[in-house]
C-alpha atoms as a PDB file:
ATOM      1  CA  MET A   1      12.040 -32.321 -15.805  1.00  0.00           C
ATOM      2  CA  THR A   2       9.548 -31.465 -18.512  1.00  0.00           C
ATOM      3  CA  GLU A   3      10.119 -29.005 -21.309  1.00  0.00           C
ATOM      4  CA  ASN A   4       7.629 -26.634 -19.686  1.00  0.00           C
ATOM      5  CA  THR A   5       9.552 -26.758 -16.390  1.00  0.00           C
ATOM      6  CA  ASN A   6      12.800 -26.070 -18.227  1.00  0.00           C
ATOM      7  CA  ASN A   7      11.273 -23.055 -19.921  1.00  0.00           C
ATOM      8  CA  THR A   8       9.962 -21.743 -16.609  1.00  0.00           C
ATOM      9  CA  ALA A   9      13.360 -22.082 -14.944  1.00  0.00           C
ATOM     10  CA  LEU A  10      15.066 -20.383 -17.901  1.00  0.00           C
ATOM     11  CA  THR A  11      12.584 -17.517 -17.784  1.00  0.00           C
ATOM     12  CA  GLN A  12      13.089 -17.070 -14.032  1.00  0.00           C
ATOM     13  CA  ARG A  13      16.853 -17.088 -14.448  1.00  0.00           C
ATOM     14  CA  LYS A  14      16.708 -14.453 -17.197  1.00  0.00           C
ATOM     15  CA  THR A  15      14.361 -12.374 -15.086  1.00  0.00           C
ATOM     16  CA  GLY A  16      16.751 -12.547 -12.154  1.00  0.00           C
ATOM     17  CA  GLU A  17      19.709 -11.601 -14.313  1.00  0.00           C
ATOM     18  CA  GLU A  18      17.787  -8.670 -15.787  1.00  0.00           C
ATOM     19  CA  TYR A  19      16.870  -7.352 -12.353  1.00  0.00           C
ATOM     20  CA  PHE A  20      20.455  -7.627 -11.161  1.00  0.00           C
ATOM     21  CA  GLU A  21      21.766  -5.768 -14.200  1.00  0.00           C
ATOM     22  CA  THR A  22      19.328  -2.898 -13.679  1.00  0.00           C
ATOM     23  CA  GLU A  23      20.078  -2.909  -9.937  1.00  0.00           C
ATOM     24  CA  LYS A  24      23.772  -2.431 -10.649  1.00  0.00           C
ATOM     25  CA  ARG A  25      22.853   0.753 -12.478  1.00  0.00           C
ATOM     26  CA  GLY A  26      21.066   2.071  -9.411  1.00  0.00           C
ATOM     27  CA  HIS A  27      17.448   1.276 -10.241  1.00  0.00           C
ATOM     28  CA  ILE A  28      16.133   0.854  -6.712  1.00  0.00           C
ATOM     29  CA  GLU A  29      12.540   0.136  -7.756  1.00  0.00           C
ATOM     30  CA  ARG A  30      13.705  -2.701  -9.983  1.00  0.00           C
ATOM     31  CA  HIS A  31      15.620  -4.135  -7.064  1.00  0.00           C
ATOM     32  CA  ARG A  32      12.592  -3.800  -4.806  1.00  0.00           C
ATOM     33  CA  ARG A  33      10.524  -5.721  -7.353  1.00  0.00           C
ATOM     34  CA  LEU A  34      13.187  -8.427  -7.373  1.00  0.00           C
ATOM     35  CA  VAL A  35      12.885  -8.747  -3.618  1.00  0.00           C
ATOM     36  CA  LEU A  36       9.111  -8.927  -3.787  1.00  0.00           C
ATOM     37  CA  VAL A  37       8.917 -11.575  -6.517  1.00  0.00           C
ATOM     38  CA  THR A  38      11.508 -13.856  -4.946  1.00  0.00           C
ATOM     39  CA  PRO A  39       9.701 -16.854  -3.411  1.00  0.00           C
ATOM     40  CA  VAL A  40      11.281 -16.570   0.034  1.00  0.00           C
ATOM     41  CA  LYS A  41       8.820 -15.920   2.850  1.00  0.00           C
ATOM     42  CA  GLY A  42       9.767 -13.746   5.816  1.00  0.00           C
ATOM     43  CA  TYR A  43      13.423 -13.211   4.980  1.00  0.00           C
ATOM     44  CA  ILE A  44      13.665 -10.484   2.381  1.00  0.00           C
ATOM     45  CA  HIS A  45      17.422 -10.099   2.579  1.00  0.00           C
ATOM     46  CA  LYS A  46      17.880 -13.797   1.744  1.00  0.00           C
ATOM     47  CA  SER A  47      16.440 -13.223  -1.735  1.00  0.00           C
ATOM     48  CA  ILE A  48      19.753 -12.642  -3.465  1.00  0.00           C
ATOM     49  CA  ASP A  49      21.293 -15.731  -1.872  1.00  0.00           C
ATOM     50  CA  PHE A  50      18.282 -17.698  -3.108  1.00  0.00           C
ATOM     51  CA  LEU A  51      18.651 -16.499  -6.688  1.00  0.00           C
ATOM     52  CA  ARG A  52      22.384 -17.078  -6.617  1.00  0.00           C
ATOM     53  CA  MET A  53      21.910 -20.638  -5.341  1.00  0.00           C
ATOM     54  CA  VAL A  54      18.966 -21.705  -7.527  1.00  0.00           C
ATOM     55  CA  TYR A  55      19.537 -19.804 -10.745  1.00  0.00           C
ATOM     56  CA  GLY A  56      23.279 -19.260 -10.620  1.00  0.00           C
ATOM     57  CA  VAL A  57      22.977 -15.460 -10.601  1.00  0.00           C
ATOM     58  CA  LYS A  58      26.224 -13.999  -9.310  1.00  0.00           C
ATOM     59  CA  TYR A  59      25.953 -10.930  -7.113  1.00  0.00           C
ATOM     60  CA  PRO A  60      27.943 -10.247  -3.942  1.00  0.00           C
ATOM     61  CA  THR A  61      25.556  -7.997  -2.013  1.00  0.00           C
ATOM     62  CA  SER A  62      22.558  -8.834   0.160  1.00  0.00           C
ATOM     63  CA  SER A  63      19.365  -6.797  -0.057  1.00  0.00           C
ATOM     64  CA  LEU A  64      20.059  -5.239   3.349  1.00  0.00           C
ATOM     65  CA  GLU A  65      23.542  -4.148   2.296  1.00  0.00           C
ATOM     66  CA  TYR A  66      22.134  -2.754  -0.921  1.00  0.00           C
ATOM     67  CA  TYR A  67      19.559  -0.587   0.842  1.00  0.00           C
ATOM     68  CA  GLU A  68      22.085   0.580   3.421  1.00  0.00           C
ATOM     69  CA  ARG A  69      24.314   1.693   0.565  1.00  0.00           C
ATOM     70  CA  GLU A  70      21.422   3.638  -0.935  1.00  0.00           C
ATOM     71  CA  LEU A  71      21.129   5.722   2.233  1.00  0.00           C
ATOM     72  CA  GLU A  72      23.987   7.785   0.779  1.00  0.00           C
ATOM     73  CA  ASN A  73      22.073   8.463  -2.429  1.00  0.00           C
ATOM     74  CA  GLU A  74      21.544  12.108  -3.346  1.00  0.00           C
ATOM     75  CA  ASN A  75      17.913  11.483  -4.319  1.00  0.00           C
ATOM     76  CA  PRO A  76      15.621  11.984  -1.252  1.00  0.00           C
ATOM     77  CA  PHE A  77      13.036   9.611  -2.704  1.00  0.00           C
ATOM     78  CA  VAL A  78      15.611   6.817  -2.999  1.00  0.00           C
ATOM     79  CA  VAL A  79      16.796   7.435   0.579  1.00  0.00           C
ATOM     80  CA  SER A  80      13.222   7.314   1.874  1.00  0.00           C
ATOM     81  CA  GLU A  81      12.526   4.100  -0.050  1.00  0.00           C
ATOM     82  CA  ALA A  82      15.763   2.568   1.241  1.00  0.00           C
ATOM     83  CA  ASN A  83      14.901   3.433   4.847  1.00  0.00           C
ATOM     84  CA  TYR A  84      11.477   1.876   4.419  1.00  0.00           C
ATOM     85  CA  ASN A  85      12.896  -1.368   3.045  1.00  0.00           C
ATOM     86  CA  ILE A  86      15.538  -1.550   5.769  1.00  0.00           C
ATOM     87  CA  GLY A  87      12.699  -1.128   8.246  1.00  0.00           C
ATOM     88  CA  LEU A  88      10.797  -3.992   6.593  1.00  0.00           C
ATOM     89  CA  ILE A  89      13.798  -6.289   6.792  1.00  0.00           C
ATOM     90  CA  HIS A  90      14.329  -5.604  10.502  1.00  0.00           C
ATOM     91  CA  GLN A  91      10.615  -5.887  11.256  1.00  0.00           C
ATOM     92  CA  PHE A  92      10.453  -9.333   9.655  1.00  0.00           C
ATOM     93  CA  GLU A  93      13.442 -10.331  11.744  1.00  0.00           C
ATOM     94  CA  GLY A  94      11.810  -9.049  14.928  1.00  0.00           C
ATOM     95  CA  ASP A  95      14.221  -6.117  15.356  1.00  0.00           C
ATOM     96  CA  TYR A  96      11.397  -3.661  15.990  1.00  0.00           C
ATOM     97  CA  VAL A  97      13.456  -0.866  17.554  1.00  0.00           C
ATOM     98  CA  ILE A  98      15.695  -0.639  14.489  1.00  0.00           C
ATOM     99  CA  ALA A  99      12.666  -0.988  12.218  1.00  0.00           C
ATOM    100  CA  ILE A 100      10.959   1.969  13.891  1.00  0.00           C
ATOM    101  CA  TYR A 101      14.104   4.078  13.544  1.00  0.00           C
ATOM    102  CA  HIS A 102      14.178   3.540   9.778  1.00  0.00           C
ATOM    103  CA  TYR A 103      10.402   3.847   9.364  1.00  0.00           C
ATOM    104  CA  ARG A 104      10.613   7.243  11.058  1.00  0.00           C
ATOM    105  CA  LYS A 105      13.372   8.280   8.672  1.00  0.00           C
ATOM    106  CA  ALA A 106      11.281   7.133   5.725  1.00  0.00           C
ATOM    107  CA  ALA A 107       8.137   8.836   7.046  1.00  0.00           C
ATOM    108  CA  ALA A 108      10.058  12.093   7.424  1.00  0.00           C
ATOM    109  CA  GLY A 109      10.787  11.775   3.705  1.00  0.00           C
ATOM    110  CA  GLY A 110       7.095  11.399   2.923  1.00  0.00           C
ATOM    111  CA  HIS A 111       6.894   7.603   2.625  1.00  0.00           C
ATOM    112  CA  VAL A 112       3.221   6.707   3.115  1.00  0.00           C
ATOM    113  CA  LYS A 113       3.631   2.995   3.910  1.00  0.00           C
ATOM    114  CA  ALA A 114       6.245   3.830   6.538  1.00  0.00           C
ATOM    115  CA  CYS A 115       3.562   5.869   8.314  1.00  0.00           C
ATOM    116  CA  GLU A 116       1.200   2.887   8.153  1.00  0.00           C
ATOM    117  CA  LYS A 117       3.855   0.566   9.593  1.00  0.00           C
ATOM    118  CA  LEU A 118       4.532   3.002  12.452  1.00  0.00           C
ATOM    119  CA  GLY A 119       0.825   3.083  13.195  1.00  0.00           C
ATOM    120  CA  ARG A 120       0.742  -0.680  13.490  1.00  0.00           C
ATOM    121  CA  LEU A 121       3.865  -0.978  15.654  1.00  0.00           C
ATOM    122  CA  TYR A 122       2.698   1.725  18.051  1.00  0.00           C
ATOM    123  CA  TYR A 123      -0.722   0.068  18.275  1.00  0.00           C
ATOM    124  CA  LYS A 124       0.808  -3.302  19.149  1.00  0.00           C
ATOM    125  CA  GLY A 125       3.613  -1.888  21.288  1.00  0.00           C
ATOM    126  CA  LEU A 126       6.362  -3.573  19.288  1.00  0.00           C
ATOM    127  CA  GLY A 127       9.755  -1.933  19.702  1.00  0.00           C
ATOM    128  CA  VAL A 128       8.126   1.011  21.431  1.00  0.00           C
ATOM    129  CA  LYS A 129       5.800   1.731  24.351  1.00  0.00           C
ATOM    130  CA  GLN A 130       2.229   0.984  23.304  1.00  0.00           C
ATOM    131  CA  ASP A 131       0.529   4.253  22.433  1.00  0.00           C
ATOM    132  CA  TYR A 132      -2.903   4.223  20.776  1.00  0.00           C
ATOM    133  CA  VAL A 133      -2.996   7.986  20.308  1.00  0.00           C
ATOM    134  CA  GLU A 134       0.357   7.934  18.514  1.00  0.00           C
ATOM    135  CA  SER A 135      -0.804   4.960  16.462  1.00  0.00           C
ATOM    136  CA  ILE A 136      -3.937   6.745  15.318  1.00  0.00           C
ATOM    137  CA  GLU A 137      -1.937   9.834  14.370  1.00  0.00           C
ATOM    138  CA  TRP A 138       0.333   7.782  12.122  1.00  0.00           C
ATOM    139  CA  TYR A 139      -2.616   5.922  10.605  1.00  0.00           C
ATOM    140  CA  ARG A 140      -4.408   9.203   9.964  1.00  0.00           C
ATOM    141  CA  LEU A 141      -1.345  10.650   8.294  1.00  0.00           C
ATOM    142  CA  ALA A 142      -1.110   7.664   5.954  1.00  0.00           C
ATOM    143  CA  ALA A 143      -4.877   7.593   5.380  1.00  0.00           C
ATOM    144  CA  ALA A 144      -4.857  11.268   4.398  1.00  0.00           C
ATOM    145  CA  LYS A 145      -2.451  10.298   1.642  1.00  0.00           C
ATOM    146  CA  GLY A 146      -4.746   7.525   0.422  1.00  0.00           C
ATOM    147  CA  ASP A 147      -3.287   4.442   2.119  1.00  0.00           C
ATOM    148  CA  VAL A 148      -6.099   1.872   2.034  1.00  0.00           C
ATOM    149  CA  GLU A 149      -4.748  -0.316   4.825  1.00  0.00           C
ATOM    150  CA  SER A 150      -4.629   2.675   7.178  1.00  0.00           C
ATOM    151  CA  LEU A 151      -8.205   3.603   6.329  1.00  0.00           C
ATOM    152  CA  PHE A 152      -9.264   0.055   7.173  1.00  0.00           C
ATOM    153  CA  ARG A 153      -7.251  -0.043  10.412  1.00  0.00           C
ATOM    154  CA  LEU A 154      -8.821   3.215  11.598  1.00  0.00           C
ATOM    155  CA  GLY A 155     -12.234   1.762  10.866  1.00  0.00           C
ATOM    156  CA  VAL A 156     -11.391  -1.268  13.011  1.00  0.00           C
ATOM    157  CA  ILE A 157      -9.990   0.811  15.873  1.00  0.00           C
ATOM    158  CA  TYR A 158     -13.065   2.997  16.193  1.00  0.00           C
ATOM    159  CA  ASN A 159     -15.440   0.087  15.610  1.00  0.00           C
ATOM    160  CA  ASP A 160     -14.286  -2.364  18.259  1.00  0.00           C
ATOM    161  CA  GLY A 161     -13.828   0.260  20.998  1.00  0.00           C
ATOM    162  CA  GLU A 162     -11.341  -2.021  22.717  1.00  0.00           C
ATOM    163  CA  ASN A 163      -8.541   0.478  23.216  1.00  0.00           C
ATOM    164  CA  VAL A 164     -10.135   3.809  22.290  1.00  0.00           C
ATOM    165  CA  PRO A 165     -13.699   5.084  22.788  1.00  0.00           C
ATOM    166  CA  GLN A 166     -16.051   3.384  20.359  1.00  0.00           C
ATOM    167  CA  ASP A 167     -17.222   5.722  17.611  1.00  0.00           C
ATOM    168  CA  TYR A 168     -19.315   4.065  14.913  1.00  0.00           C
ATOM    169  CA  ALA A 169     -19.654   7.316  12.967  1.00  0.00           C
ATOM    170  CA  GLU A 170     -15.853   7.595  12.622  1.00  0.00           C
ATOM    171  CA  SER A 171     -15.552   3.906  11.846  1.00  0.00           C
ATOM    172  CA  PHE A 172     -18.182   4.238   9.128  1.00  0.00           C
ATOM    173  CA  ILE A 173     -16.274   7.095   7.446  1.00  0.00           C
ATOM    174  CA  PHE A 174     -13.026   5.138   7.273  1.00  0.00           C
ATOM    175  CA  TYR A 175     -14.605   1.862   6.187  1.00  0.00           C
ATOM    176  CA  ALA A 176     -16.513   3.698   3.455  1.00  0.00           C
ATOM    177  CA  ALA A 177     -13.338   5.325   2.138  1.00  0.00           C
ATOM    178  CA  ALA A 178     -11.494   1.985   2.088  1.00  0.00           C
ATOM    179  CA  ALA A 179     -14.461   0.202   0.473  1.00  0.00           C
ATOM    180  CA  ARG A 180     -14.502   2.775  -2.339  1.00  0.00           C
ATOM    181  CA  ARG A 181     -10.918   1.768  -3.044  1.00  0.00           C
ATOM    182  CA  GLY A 182     -11.839  -1.894  -3.282  1.00  0.00           C
ATOM    183  CA  HIS A 183     -10.905  -3.115   0.203  1.00  0.00           C
ATOM    184  CA  VAL A 184     -12.950  -6.300   0.516  1.00  0.00           C
ATOM    185  CA  VAL A 185     -13.143  -6.543   4.330  1.00  0.00           C
ATOM    186  CA  SER A 186     -14.166  -2.893   4.561  1.00  0.00           C
ATOM    187  CA  SER A 187     -16.973  -3.588   2.090  1.00  0.00           C
ATOM    188  CA  TYR A 188     -18.153  -6.473   4.265  1.00  0.00           C
ATOM    189  CA  ASN A 189     -17.935  -4.351   7.410  1.00  0.00           C
ATOM    190  CA  MET A 190     -19.963  -1.612   5.724  1.00  0.00           C
ATOM    191  CA  GLY A 191     -22.620  -4.238   5.117  1.00  0.00           C
ATOM    192  CA  VAL A 192     -22.579  -5.139   8.810  1.00  0.00           C
ATOM    193  CA  MET A 193     -22.919  -1.507   9.843  1.00  0.00           C
ATOM    194  CA  PHE A 194     -25.862  -0.899   7.520  1.00  0.00           C
ATOM    195  CA  GLU A 195     -27.475  -4.164   8.614  1.00  0.00           C
ATOM    196  CA  ASN A 196     -27.135  -3.337  12.327  1.00  0.00           C
ATOM    197  CA  GLY A 197     -27.589   0.433  12.105  1.00  0.00           C
ATOM    198  CA  GLN A 198     -24.144   1.226  13.515  1.00  0.00           C
ATOM    199  CA  GLY A 199     -23.066   4.792  12.785  1.00  0.00           C
ATOM    200  CA  VAL A 200     -25.790   5.050  10.144  1.00  0.00           C
ATOM    201  CA  HIS A 201     -29.542   4.441   9.822  1.00  0.00           C
ATOM    202  CA  ARG A 202     -30.337   0.755   9.346  1.00  0.00           C
ATOM    203  CA  ASN A 203     -30.715   0.045   5.646  1.00  0.00           C
ATOM    204  CA  LEU A 204     -30.851  -3.555   4.458  1.00  0.00           C
ATOM    205  CA  THR A 205     -30.760  -2.530   0.800  1.00  0.00           C
ATOM    206  CA  LYS A 206     -27.458  -0.753   1.360  1.00  0.00           C
ATOM    207  CA  ALA A 207     -26.230  -3.679   3.451  1.00  0.00           C
ATOM    208  CA  PHE A 208     -27.059  -6.014   0.580  1.00  0.00           C
ATOM    209  CA  GLN A 209     -25.151  -3.787  -1.861  1.00  0.00           C
ATOM    210  CA  TYR A 210     -21.990  -3.754   0.262  1.00  0.00           C
ATOM    211  CA  TYR A 211     -22.188  -7.477   1.002  1.00  0.00           C
ATOM    212  CA  THR A 212     -22.518  -8.045  -2.732  1.00  0.00           C
ATOM    213  CA  GLN A 213     -19.458  -5.898  -3.361  1.00  0.00           C
ATOM    214  CA  ALA A 214     -17.460  -8.089  -0.988  1.00  0.00           C
ATOM    215  CA  ALA A 215     -19.031 -11.308  -2.287  1.00  0.00           C
ATOM    216  CA  GLU A 216     -17.939 -10.477  -5.824  1.00  0.00           C
ATOM    217  CA  GLN A 217     -14.373 -10.441  -4.454  1.00  0.00           C
ATOM    218  CA  ASN A 218     -14.851 -14.011  -3.178  1.00  0.00           C
ATOM    219  CA  ASP A 219     -15.461 -13.173   0.490  1.00  0.00           C
ATOM    220  CA  PHE A 220     -17.276 -16.275   1.762  1.00  0.00           C
ATOM    221  CA  GLU A 221     -18.996 -14.617   4.737  1.00  0.00           C
ATOM    222  CA  ALA A 222     -20.284 -11.886   2.429  1.00  0.00           C
ATOM    223  CA  GLN A 223     -21.611 -14.533   0.050  1.00  0.00           C
ATOM    224  CA  VAL A 224     -23.552 -16.092   2.923  1.00  0.00           C
ATOM    225  CA  LYS A 225     -24.959 -12.686   3.879  1.00  0.00           C
ATOM    226  CA  VAL A 226     -26.050 -11.997   0.300  1.00  0.00           C
ATOM    227  CA  GLU A 227     -27.985 -15.258   0.134  1.00  0.00           C
ATOM    228  CA  SER A 228     -29.490 -14.732   3.573  1.00  0.00           C
ATOM    229  CA  LEU A 229     -30.791 -11.260   2.708  1.00  0.00           C
ATOM    230  CA  ARG A 230     -32.050 -12.399  -0.671  1.00  0.00           C
ATOM    231  CA  ARG A 231     -33.943 -15.353   0.830  1.00  0.00           C
ATOM    232  CA  SER A 232     -35.496 -13.159   3.524  1.00  0.00           C
ATOM    233  CA  GLY A 233     -36.739 -10.770   0.858  1.00  0.00           C
ATOM    234  CA  HIS A 234     -34.473  -7.889   1.845  1.00  0.00           C
ATOM    235  CA  GLY A 235     -31.958  -8.247  -0.969  1.00  0.00           C
ATOM    236  CA  GLY A 236     -32.139  -6.590  -4.342  1.00  0.00           C
ATOM    237  CA  MET A 237     -30.776  -7.566  -7.719  1.00  0.00           C
ATOM    238  CA  SER A 238     -27.064  -8.322  -7.881  1.00  0.00           C
ATOM    239  CA  LEU A 239     -24.489  -9.438 -10.387  1.00  0.00           C
ATOM    240  CA  TYR A 240     -23.263 -11.910  -7.797  1.00  0.00           C
ATOM    241  CA  ARG A 241     -24.693 -15.416  -7.754  1.00  0.00           C
ATOM    242  CA  ALA A 242     -23.641 -18.127  -5.344  1.00  0.00           C
ATOM    243  CA  PRO A 243     -21.915 -21.063  -7.089  1.00  0.00           C
ATOM    244  CA  TYR A 244     -24.745 -23.445  -6.167  1.00  0.00           C
ATOM    245  CA  GLN A 245     -27.585 -21.146  -7.205  1.00  0.00           C
ATOM    246  CA  LYS A 246     -29.509 -21.850 -10.395  1.00  0.00           C
ATOM    247  CA  ASN A 247     -29.966 -18.817 -12.635  1.00  0.00           C
END
């Protein structure tokens, strides 16, 4: 093991110990960050076992037990956050009915991402009867509070017309709002809508601008579109340049 590897391991161990110490004092956000940075995919509540095994951090409680304990907290925000994280744990494990129960509790406490998760589960019919109207209501609630993923999902729903009546004008509104917040796929989709005249008058200059916005965030399909429009004479000036292009 190299010196650099030793230093990295030591830093990770100290980080883990620091998070556990703050968690013991009731800092739920610190604990949530610990869960998120732990390199364990799909099994959030295994994070503490992982740290204990790899870095020797001693702590007797799993993430799930921790959040369940926080349901008794007097702070409504902490309770809402705990319900959301319990929902995440059960969703990753495929326990969708229990996940929905806790997401609903969190949403009642104003948790925006819990609303987004409910929208997705209702749309897919996981743990609940599939209900597109209910899904859209949850997505709209989250979108109204600025959730970018919900804005994007609403754009998709109204664009594809697979399960609800197709409405390009509605799709355009939601994609535009998500694109303004930096959502790369929404920027690309805005380019498509301007290029094809879907929900808006066809405008290749605008299409080029949105494709460029996505291309600058390393979206390959957008990069191809930028070059295609530029070569056909419909593109304008852009900060983006394809890696193979000579300046």
